[in-house]
C-alpha atoms as a PDB file:
ATOM      1  CA  MET A   1      -3.439  36.722  45.926  1.00  0.00           C
ATOM      2  CA  SER A   2      -1.524  38.595  43.237  1.00  0.00           C
ATOM      3  CA  THR A   3       1.486  36.289  43.668  1.00  0.00           C
ATOM      4  CA  LEU A   4      -0.708  33.214  43.219  1.00  0.00           C
ATOM      5  CA  ILE A   5      -2.254  34.652  40.049  1.00  0.00           C
ATOM      6  CA  THR A   6       1.224  35.449  38.719  1.00  0.00           C
ATOM      7  CA  ILE A   7       2.344  31.871  39.406  1.00  0.00           C
ATOM      8  CA  ILE A   8      -0.771  30.534  37.635  1.00  0.00           C
ATOM      9  CA  GLY A   9       0.011  32.719  34.622  1.00  0.00           C
ATOM     10  CA  MET A  10       3.643  31.641  34.493  1.00  0.00           C
ATOM     11  CA  ILE A  11       2.662  27.972  34.692  1.00  0.00           C
ATOM     12  CA  GLY A  12       0.160  28.512  31.880  1.00  0.00           C
ATOM     13  CA  ALA A  13       2.795  30.139  29.692  1.00  0.00           C
ATOM     14  CA  VAL A  14       5.303  27.328  30.354  1.00  0.00           C
ATOM     15  CA  VAL A  15       2.656  24.661  29.614  1.00  0.00           C
ATOM     16  CA  LEU A  16       1.692  26.275  26.300  1.00  0.00           C
ATOM     17  CA  LEU A  17       5.325  26.712  25.276  1.00  0.00           C
ATOM     18  CA  TYR A  18       6.125  23.125  26.266  1.00  0.00           C
ATOM     19  CA  GLY A  19       3.249  21.784  24.145  1.00  0.00           C
ATOM     20  CA  TYR A  20       4.286  23.906  21.168  1.00  0.00           C
ATOM     21  CA  ALA A  21       7.906  22.816  21.494  1.00  0.00           C
ATOM     22  CA  MET A  22       6.920  19.128  21.713  1.00  0.00           C
ATOM     23  CA  VAL A  23       4.756  19.347  18.592  1.00  0.00           C
ATOM     24  CA  SER A  24       7.467  21.278  16.769  1.00  0.00           C
ATOM     25  CA  ALA A  25      10.003  18.608  17.761  1.00  0.00           C
ATOM     26  CA  ARG A  26       7.539  15.905  16.670  1.00  0.00           C
ATOM     27  CA  LYS A  27       7.449  14.458  20.177  1.00  0.00           C
ATOM     28  CA  LEU A  28       3.666  15.004  20.400  1.00  0.00           C
ATOM     29  CA  ALA A  29       0.976  14.820  17.729  1.00  0.00           C
ATOM     30  CA  GLY A  30      -0.835  18.114  17.209  1.00  0.00           C
ATOM     31  CA  ASP A  31      -4.160  16.321  17.052  1.00  0.00           C
ATOM     32  CA  GLY A  32      -3.497  14.067  20.057  1.00  0.00           C
ATOM     33  CA  LEU A  33      -5.054  14.209  23.495  1.00  0.00           C
ATOM     34  CA  PRO A  34      -1.860  15.126  25.418  1.00  0.00           C
ATOM     35  CA  TYR A  35      -1.236  18.217  23.296  1.00  0.00           C
ATOM     36  CA  GLN A  36      -4.860  19.284  23.471  1.00  0.00           C
ATOM     37  CA  LEU A  37      -4.880  18.908  27.268  1.00  0.00           C
ATOM     38  CA  LEU A  38      -1.714  21.040  27.487  1.00  0.00           C
ATOM     39  CA  ASN A  39      -3.364  23.701  25.327  1.00  0.00           C
ATOM     40  CA  LEU A  40      -6.537  23.679  27.390  1.00  0.00           C
ATOM     41  CA  GLY A  41      -4.722  23.869  30.730  1.00  0.00           C
ATOM     42  CA  GLY A  42      -2.309  26.547  29.594  1.00  0.00           C
ATOM     43  CA  GLY A  43      -5.075  28.630  28.029  1.00  0.00           C
ATOM     44  CA  ILE A  44      -7.212  28.468  31.170  1.00  0.00           C
ATOM     45  CA  ALA A  45      -4.271  29.438  33.384  1.00  0.00           C
ATOM     46  CA  LEU A  46      -3.423  32.425  31.164  1.00  0.00           C
ATOM     47  CA  MET A  47      -7.104  33.400  31.004  1.00  0.00           C
ATOM     48  CA  ILE A  48      -7.248  33.536  34.818  1.00  0.00           C
ATOM     49  CA  ASN A  49      -4.097  35.640  34.974  1.00  0.00           C
ATOM     50  CA  SER A  50      -5.254  38.007  32.213  1.00  0.00           C
ATOM     51  CA  ALA A  51      -8.716  38.480  33.701  1.00  0.00           C
ATOM     52  CA  TYR A  52      -7.291  39.183  37.152  1.00  0.00           C
ATOM     53  CA  HIS A  53      -5.119  41.931  35.659  1.00  0.00           C
ATOM     54  CA  SER A  54      -8.048  43.227  33.525  1.00  0.00           C
ATOM     55  CA  ALA A  55      -6.170  42.453  30.319  1.00  0.00           C
ATOM     56  CA  TRP A  56      -9.456  41.689  28.563  1.00  0.00           C
ATOM     57  CA  PRO A  57      -8.204  41.145  25.004  1.00  0.00           C
ATOM     58  CA  SER A  58      -5.769  38.522  26.278  1.00  0.00           C
ATOM     59  CA  ALA A  59      -8.381  37.007  28.614  1.00  0.00           C
ATOM     60  CA  ILE A  60     -10.856  36.671  25.741  1.00  0.00           C
ATOM     61  CA  LEU A  61      -8.178  35.217  23.444  1.00  0.00           C
ATOM     62  CA  ASN A  62      -7.329  32.591  26.055  1.00  0.00           C
ATOM     63  CA  MET A  63     -11.011  31.851  26.679  1.00  0.00           C
ATOM     64  CA  VAL A  64     -11.417  31.150  22.952  1.00  0.00           C
ATOM     65  CA  TRP A  65      -8.141  29.148  23.017  1.00  0.00           C
ATOM     66  CA  GLY A  66      -9.633  27.032  25.813  1.00  0.00           C
ATOM     67  CA  GLY A  67     -12.836  26.592  23.804  1.00  0.00           C
ATOM     68  CA  VAL A  68     -10.870  25.315  20.836  1.00  0.00           C
ATOM     69  CA  GLY A  69      -9.139  22.881  23.205  1.00  0.00           C
ATOM     70  CA  VAL A  70     -12.486  21.617  24.528  1.00  0.00           C
ATOM     71  CA  VAL A  71     -13.750  21.035  20.966  1.00  0.00           C
ATOM     72  CA  ALA A  72     -10.528  19.256  19.980  1.00  0.00           C
ATOM     73  CA  ILE A  73     -10.664  17.038  23.082  1.00  0.00           C
ATOM     74  CA  GLY A  74     -14.286  16.221  22.237  1.00  0.00           C
ATOM     75  CA  ARG A  75     -13.216  15.167  18.746  1.00  0.00           C
ATOM     76  CA  VAL A  76     -10.423  12.971  20.126  1.00  0.00           C
ATOM     77  CA  ALA A  77     -12.884  11.358  22.537  1.00  0.00           C
ATOM     78  CA  ALA A  78     -15.400  10.753  19.737  1.00  0.00           C
ATOM     79  CA  ARG A  79     -12.695   9.247  17.530  1.00  0.00           C
ATOM     80  CA  ARG A  80     -11.660   6.904  20.336  1.00  0.00           C
ATOM     81  CA  ALA A  81     -15.259   5.930  21.028  1.00  0.00           C
ATOM     82  CA  ALA A  82     -15.804   5.162  17.341  1.00  0.00           C
ATOM     83  CA  GLY A  83     -12.647   3.037  17.372  1.00  0.00           C
ATOM     84  CA  HIS A  84     -13.876   1.073  20.375  1.00  0.00           C
ATOM     85  CA  ALA A  85     -17.308   0.589  18.807  1.00  0.00           C
ATOM     86  CA  ALA A  86     -15.714  -0.760  15.627  1.00  0.00           C
ATOM     87  CA  GLY A  87     -13.468  -3.067  17.629  1.00  0.00           C
ATOM     88  CA  ARG A  88     -10.315  -1.221  16.579  1.00  0.00           C
ATOM     89  CA  ARG A  89      -7.517   0.105  18.689  1.00  0.00           C
ATOM     90  CA  PRO A  90      -8.158   3.846  19.225  1.00  0.00           C
ATOM     91  CA  GLY A  91      -5.906   6.420  17.615  1.00  0.00           C
ATOM     92  CA  PRO A  92      -4.145   9.274  19.446  1.00  0.00           C
END
C-alpha cells in the first residue's frame, strides 16, 4: 500500500509542476479549465499522500488547494453556461 501511495504522491507532484510550467510558458491559461483540473487532481493526489504519511500541515494545504480548484472550476462552468445562454461561444 505504501508504494501505491508514494506513486500517487509523485503523480500529483508531476501534475502540479506540469500545470505551473504550462501557465508559466503561456501554453495554458491560468483561469482555464485544463489548468484548474490539473491543480485539482494534483492537489488531491498530494493530499492523499500527505494524509497517509500523517503530514497534516501538507494534507490540509492540499485539501484547501483542492477546494480552490473546485471553486475555480465552478466559475469556469458558470462562465460557460452564461455564454451558452447568451448565444455566445464560451470562453476558456
